Amino acid sequence: KIVANREVKYRFIDIRNPHLYVKGHLQGAMNIPLHDALNPKYKDVFNSENVTNIIYGKDNEDVVDLYLMFSEIGYNGNKFFKGGYVFIASGGKVKFNPDDEKPAYNFAEKLKEVAGAAGTTIQAPKPTAPKPVIRHKKKEVEGGCS
């Protein structure tokens, strides 16, 4: 649960398109569509130390995309609601697994196992000399219009 008191400031930001926002949104949420999130006029909204933004979208993909962008550019003060508005509006009845984003395999470990199992290392193939280019002489133009 999110508890609001005088010391904690938060705001909900709906990053769905305006049409979906009008059809339904969390009370008090502001709408900044995902495609506008990097617009300079919203920089102070998304990069704030005084307010914690709780960002939600249509589904998990919207917030994951925005999370990755904001992580790259260093925006602070944002929390991302996994599950999206569909999950929120259903009262949690829609099946949602927050672990969906976890990889099924640890590929680095598997690679170490495969490479180390036989005591061998993986090596790049040896470069080969390029094949010589054979150029053919062009035939001279014969005849023509008189």
C-alpha atoms as a PDB file:
ATOM      1  CA  LYS A   1       0.000   0.000   0.000  1.00  0.00           C
ATOM      2  CA  ILE A   2       1.030   3.541  -0.598  1.00  0.00           C
ATOM      3  CA  VAL A   3       0.500   5.803   2.360  1.00  0.00           C
ATOM      4  CA  ALA A   4       0.454   9.540   1.810  1.00  0.00           C
ATOM      5  CA  ASN A   5       1.423  11.845   4.623  1.00  0.00           C
ATOM      6  CA  ARG A   6       2.848  15.313   4.862  1.00  0.00           C
ATOM      7  CA  GLU A   7       6.445  14.114   4.590  1.00  0.00           C
ATOM      8  CA  VAL A   8       5.994  11.878   1.549  1.00  0.00           C
ATOM      9  CA  LYS A   9       4.985  13.399  -1.756  1.00  0.00           C
ATOM     10  CA  TYR A  10       4.022  11.269  -4.706  1.00  0.00           C
ATOM     11  CA  ARG A  11       2.108  11.562  -7.940  1.00  0.00           C
ATOM     12  CA  PHE A  12       0.699   9.032 -10.343  1.00  0.00           C
ATOM     13  CA  ILE A  13       1.664   9.405 -13.993  1.00  0.00           C
ATOM     14  CA  ASP A  14      -0.291   7.513 -16.639  1.00  0.00           C
ATOM     15  CA  ILE A  15       1.856   7.015 -19.771  1.00  0.00           C
ATOM     16  CA  ARG A  16      -0.931   5.520 -21.905  1.00  0.00           C
ATOM     17  CA  ASN A  17      -2.355   7.428 -24.855  1.00  0.00           C
ATOM     18  CA  PRO A  18      -4.917  10.170 -24.058  1.00  0.00           C
ATOM     19  CA  HIS A  19      -7.820   8.083 -25.411  1.00  0.00           C
ATOM     20  CA  LEU A  20      -7.184   5.285 -22.895  1.00  0.00           C
ATOM     21  CA  TYR A  21      -6.551   7.829 -20.129  1.00  0.00           C
ATOM     22  CA  VAL A  22      -9.971   9.412 -20.699  1.00  0.00           C
ATOM     23  CA  LYS A  23     -11.638   5.978 -20.625  1.00  0.00           C
ATOM     24  CA  GLY A  24     -10.207   5.360 -17.136  1.00  0.00           C
ATOM     25  CA  HIS A  25      -7.263   6.249 -14.926  1.00  0.00           C
ATOM     26  CA  LEU A  26      -6.256   6.418 -11.283  1.00  0.00           C
ATOM     27  CA  GLN A  27      -7.777   9.335  -9.417  1.00  0.00           C
ATOM     28  CA  GLY A  28      -5.459  12.329  -9.564  1.00  0.00           C
ATOM     29  CA  ALA A  29      -3.131  10.783 -12.159  1.00  0.00           C
ATOM     30  CA  MET A  30      -1.659  13.067 -14.771  1.00  0.00           C
ATOM     31  CA  ASN A  31      -1.362  11.877 -18.369  1.00  0.00           C
ATOM     32  CA  ILE A  32       1.981  12.125 -20.140  1.00  0.00           C
ATOM     33  CA  PRO A  33       1.913   9.717 -23.103  1.00  0.00           C
ATOM     34  CA  LEU A  34       4.960   7.486 -23.473  1.00  0.00           C
ATOM     35  CA  HIS A  35       5.926   9.125 -26.772  1.00  0.00           C
ATOM     36  CA  ASP A  36       6.162  12.507 -24.964  1.00  0.00           C
ATOM     37  CA  ALA A  37       8.118  11.284 -21.929  1.00  0.00           C
ATOM     38  CA  LEU A  38      11.458  12.616 -23.206  1.00  0.00           C
ATOM     39  CA  ASN A  39      10.033  15.973 -24.262  1.00  0.00           C
ATOM     40  CA  PRO A  40      12.136  18.676 -22.537  1.00  0.00           C
ATOM     41  CA  LYS A  41       8.992  20.289 -21.082  1.00  0.00           C
ATOM     42  CA  TYR A  42       8.539  17.196 -18.845  1.00  0.00           C
ATOM     43  CA  LYS A  43      12.139  16.952 -17.652  1.00  0.00           C
ATOM     44  CA  ASP A  44      11.372  18.598 -14.287  1.00  0.00           C
ATOM     45  CA  VAL A  45       8.367  16.299 -13.818  1.00  0.00           C
ATOM     46  CA  PHE A  46      10.282  13.076 -14.388  1.00  0.00           C
ATOM     47  CA  ASN A  47      13.612  14.145 -12.862  1.00  0.00           C
ATOM     48  CA  SER A  48      12.492  15.399  -9.467  1.00  0.00           C
ATOM     49  CA  GLU A  49      14.007  14.975  -6.036  1.00  0.00           C
ATOM     50  CA  ASN A  50      10.994  16.445  -4.209  1.00  0.00           C
ATOM     51  CA  VAL A  51       8.273  14.157  -5.593  1.00  0.00           C
ATOM     52  CA  THR A  52       8.204  10.426  -6.195  1.00  0.00           C
ATOM     53  CA  ASN A  53       6.498   9.563  -9.469  1.00  0.00           C
ATOM     54  CA  ILE A  54       4.580   6.309  -9.618  1.00  0.00           C
ATOM     55  CA  ILE A  55       4.423   5.569 -13.326  1.00  0.00           C
ATOM     56  CA  TYR A  56       2.035   3.098 -14.886  1.00  0.00           C
ATOM     57  CA  GLY A  57       1.127   2.241 -18.453  1.00  0.00           C
ATOM     58  CA  LYS A  58      -1.088  -0.102 -20.378  1.00  0.00           C
ATOM     59  CA  ASP A  59       0.997  -3.120 -19.407  1.00  0.00           C
ATOM     60  CA  ASN A  60       4.441  -4.161 -18.250  1.00  0.00           C
ATOM     61  CA  GLU A  61       6.166  -3.311 -21.536  1.00  0.00           C
ATOM     62  CA  ASP A  62       5.364   0.403 -21.360  1.00  0.00           C
ATOM     63  CA  VAL A  63       6.966   0.884 -17.955  1.00  0.00           C
ATOM     64  CA  VAL A  64       9.948  -1.345 -18.716  1.00  0.00           C
ATOM     65  CA  ASP A  65      10.738   0.730 -21.817  1.00  0.00           C
ATOM     66  CA  LEU A  66      10.514   3.957 -19.858  1.00  0.00           C
ATOM     67  CA  TYR A  67      12.512   2.522 -16.951  1.00  0.00           C
ATOM     68  CA  LEU A  68      15.355   1.617 -19.327  1.00  0.00           C
ATOM     69  CA  MET A  69      15.333   5.077 -20.937  1.00  0.00           C
ATOM     70  CA  PHE A  70      15.287   6.896 -17.593  1.00  0.00           C
ATOM     71  CA  SER A  71      18.065   4.680 -16.224  1.00  0.00           C
ATOM     72  CA  GLU A  72      20.258   5.578 -19.188  1.00  0.00           C
ATOM     73  CA  ILE A  73      19.761   9.331 -18.840  1.00  0.00           C
ATOM     74  CA  GLY A  74      19.910   9.370 -15.039  1.00  0.00           C
ATOM     75  CA  TYR A  75      16.400  10.537 -14.103  1.00  0.00           C
ATOM     76  CA  ASN A  76      15.656  10.082 -10.390  1.00  0.00           C
ATOM     77  CA  GLY A  77      12.525   9.908  -8.262  1.00  0.00           C
ATOM     78  CA  ASN A  78      10.541   7.424 -10.342  1.00  0.00           C
ATOM     79  CA  LYS A  79       8.880   4.159  -9.371  1.00  0.00           C
ATOM     80  CA  PHE A  80       7.412   1.940 -12.051  1.00  0.00           C
ATOM     81  CA  PHE A  81       4.195   0.011 -11.444  1.00  0.00           C
ATOM     82  CA  LYS A  82       4.509  -3.423 -13.010  1.00  0.00           C
ATOM     83  CA  GLY A  83       1.318  -4.908 -14.373  1.00  0.00           C
ATOM     84  CA  GLY A  84      -0.165  -1.782 -15.857  1.00  0.00           C
ATOM     85  CA  TYR A  85      -3.589  -0.201 -15.647  1.00  0.00           C
ATOM     86  CA  VAL A  86      -5.385  -3.400 -16.645  1.00  0.00           C
ATOM     87  CA  PHE A  87      -4.013  -5.087 -13.519  1.00  0.00           C
ATOM     88  CA  ILE A  88      -4.856  -2.086 -11.329  1.00  0.00           C
ATOM     89  CA  ALA A  89      -8.398  -1.689 -12.694  1.00  0.00           C
ATOM     90  CA  SER A  90      -9.163  -5.386 -12.273  1.00  0.00           C
ATOM     91  CA  GLY A  91      -8.401  -5.154  -8.577  1.00  0.00           C
ATOM     92  CA  GLY A  92      -5.602  -7.652  -9.039  1.00  0.00           C
ATOM     93  CA  LYS A  93      -7.859 -10.270 -10.644  1.00  0.00           C
ATOM     94  CA  VAL A  94      -5.903 -10.314 -13.906  1.00  0.00           C
ATOM     95  CA  LYS A  95      -3.110 -12.853 -13.641  1.00  0.00           C
ATOM     96  CA  PHE A  96       0.215 -11.069 -13.440  1.00  0.00           C
ATOM     97  CA  ASN A  97       3.584 -12.467 -12.526  1.00  0.00           C
ATOM     98  CA  PRO A  98       6.106  -9.783 -11.536  1.00  0.00           C
ATOM     99  CA  ASP A  99       8.887 -12.305 -12.180  1.00  0.00           C
ATOM    100  CA  ASP A 100       8.108 -12.385 -15.912  1.00  0.00           C
ATOM    101  CA  GLU A 101      11.074 -10.129 -16.544  1.00  0.00           C
ATOM    102  CA  LYS A 102      13.536 -12.535 -14.938  1.00  0.00           C
ATOM    103  CA  PRO A 103      15.523 -14.557 -17.483  1.00  0.00           C
ATOM    104  CA  ALA A 104      14.703 -18.247 -17.687  1.00  0.00           C
ATOM    105  CA  TYR A 105      18.386 -19.181 -17.941  1.00  0.00           C
ATOM    106  CA  ASN A 106      21.666 -17.831 -16.653  1.00  0.00           C
ATOM    107  CA  PHE A 107      23.460 -17.809 -19.983  1.00  0.00           C
ATOM    108  CA  ALA A 108      26.809 -16.768 -18.512  1.00  0.00           C
ATOM    109  CA  GLU A 109      26.785 -19.802 -16.195  1.00  0.00           C
ATOM    110  CA  LYS A 110      25.748 -22.148 -19.019  1.00  0.00           C
ATOM    111  CA  LEU A 111      28.570 -20.831 -21.200  1.00  0.00           C
ATOM    112  CA  LYS A 112      31.098 -21.405 -18.410  1.00  0.00           C
ATOM    113  CA  GLU A 113      29.792 -24.951 -17.917  1.00  0.00           C
ATOM    114  CA  VAL A 114      30.032 -25.782 -21.616  1.00  0.00           C
ATOM    115  CA  ALA A 115      33.442 -24.188 -22.097  1.00  0.00           C
ATOM    116  CA  GLY A 116      34.887 -25.598 -18.885  1.00  0.00           C
ATOM    117  CA  ALA A 117      33.341 -29.077 -19.046  1.00  0.00           C
ATOM    118  CA  ALA A 118      35.857 -30.435 -21.527  1.00  0.00           C
ATOM    119  CA  GLY A 119      38.712 -28.298 -20.215  1.00  0.00           C
ATOM    120  CA  THR A 120      38.779 -26.377 -23.480  1.00  0.00           C
ATOM    121  CA  THR A 121      38.469 -22.755 -24.266  1.00  0.00           C
ATOM    122  CA  ILE A 122      36.541 -21.140 -27.043  1.00  0.00           C
ATOM    123  CA  GLN A 123      38.790 -19.644 -29.700  1.00  0.00           C
ATOM    124  CA  ALA A 124      38.043 -17.489 -32.679  1.00  0.00           C
ATOM    125  CA  PRO A 125      38.701 -19.075 -36.080  1.00  0.00           C
ATOM    126  CA  LYS A 126      42.068 -18.319 -37.679  1.00  0.00           C
ATOM    127  CA  PRO A 127      41.912 -15.675 -40.367  1.00  0.00           C
ATOM    128  CA  THR A 128      42.393 -16.858 -43.941  1.00  0.00           C
ATOM    129  CA  ALA A 129      44.080 -14.959 -46.740  1.00  0.00           C
ATOM    130  CA  PRO A 130      41.624 -13.209 -49.054  1.00  0.00           C
ATOM    131  CA  LYS A 131      41.130 -14.748 -52.471  1.00  0.00           C
ATOM    132  CA  PRO A 132      42.674 -12.762 -55.327  1.00  0.00           C
ATOM    133  CA  VAL A 133      40.246 -10.829 -57.502  1.00  0.00           C
ATOM    134  CA  ILE A 134      40.361 -11.857 -61.154  1.00  0.00           C
ATOM    135  CA  ARG A 135      39.563  -8.977 -63.455  1.00  0.00           C
ATOM    136  CA  HIS A 136      38.440  -9.610 -67.012  1.00  0.00           C
ATOM    137  CA  LYS A 137      39.301  -7.251 -69.840  1.00  0.00           C
ATOM    138  CA  LYS A 138      36.374  -5.374 -71.248  1.00  0.00           C
ATOM    139  CA  LYS A 139      35.617  -5.883 -74.903  1.00  0.00           C
ATOM    140  CA  GLU A 140      35.969  -2.833 -77.076  1.00  0.00           C
ATOM    141  CA  VAL A 141      32.777  -1.554 -78.644  1.00  0.00           C
ATOM    142  CA  GLU A 142      32.495  -2.598 -82.252  1.00  0.00           C
ATOM    143  CA  GLY A 143      30.302  -1.269 -84.994  1.00  0.00           C
ATOM    144  CA  GLY A 144      27.659   1.227 -84.168  1.00  0.00           C
ATOM    145  CA  CYS A 145      25.562   3.671 -86.091  1.00  0.00           C
ATOM    146  CA  SER A 146      26.921   5.125 -89.265  1.00  0.00           C
END
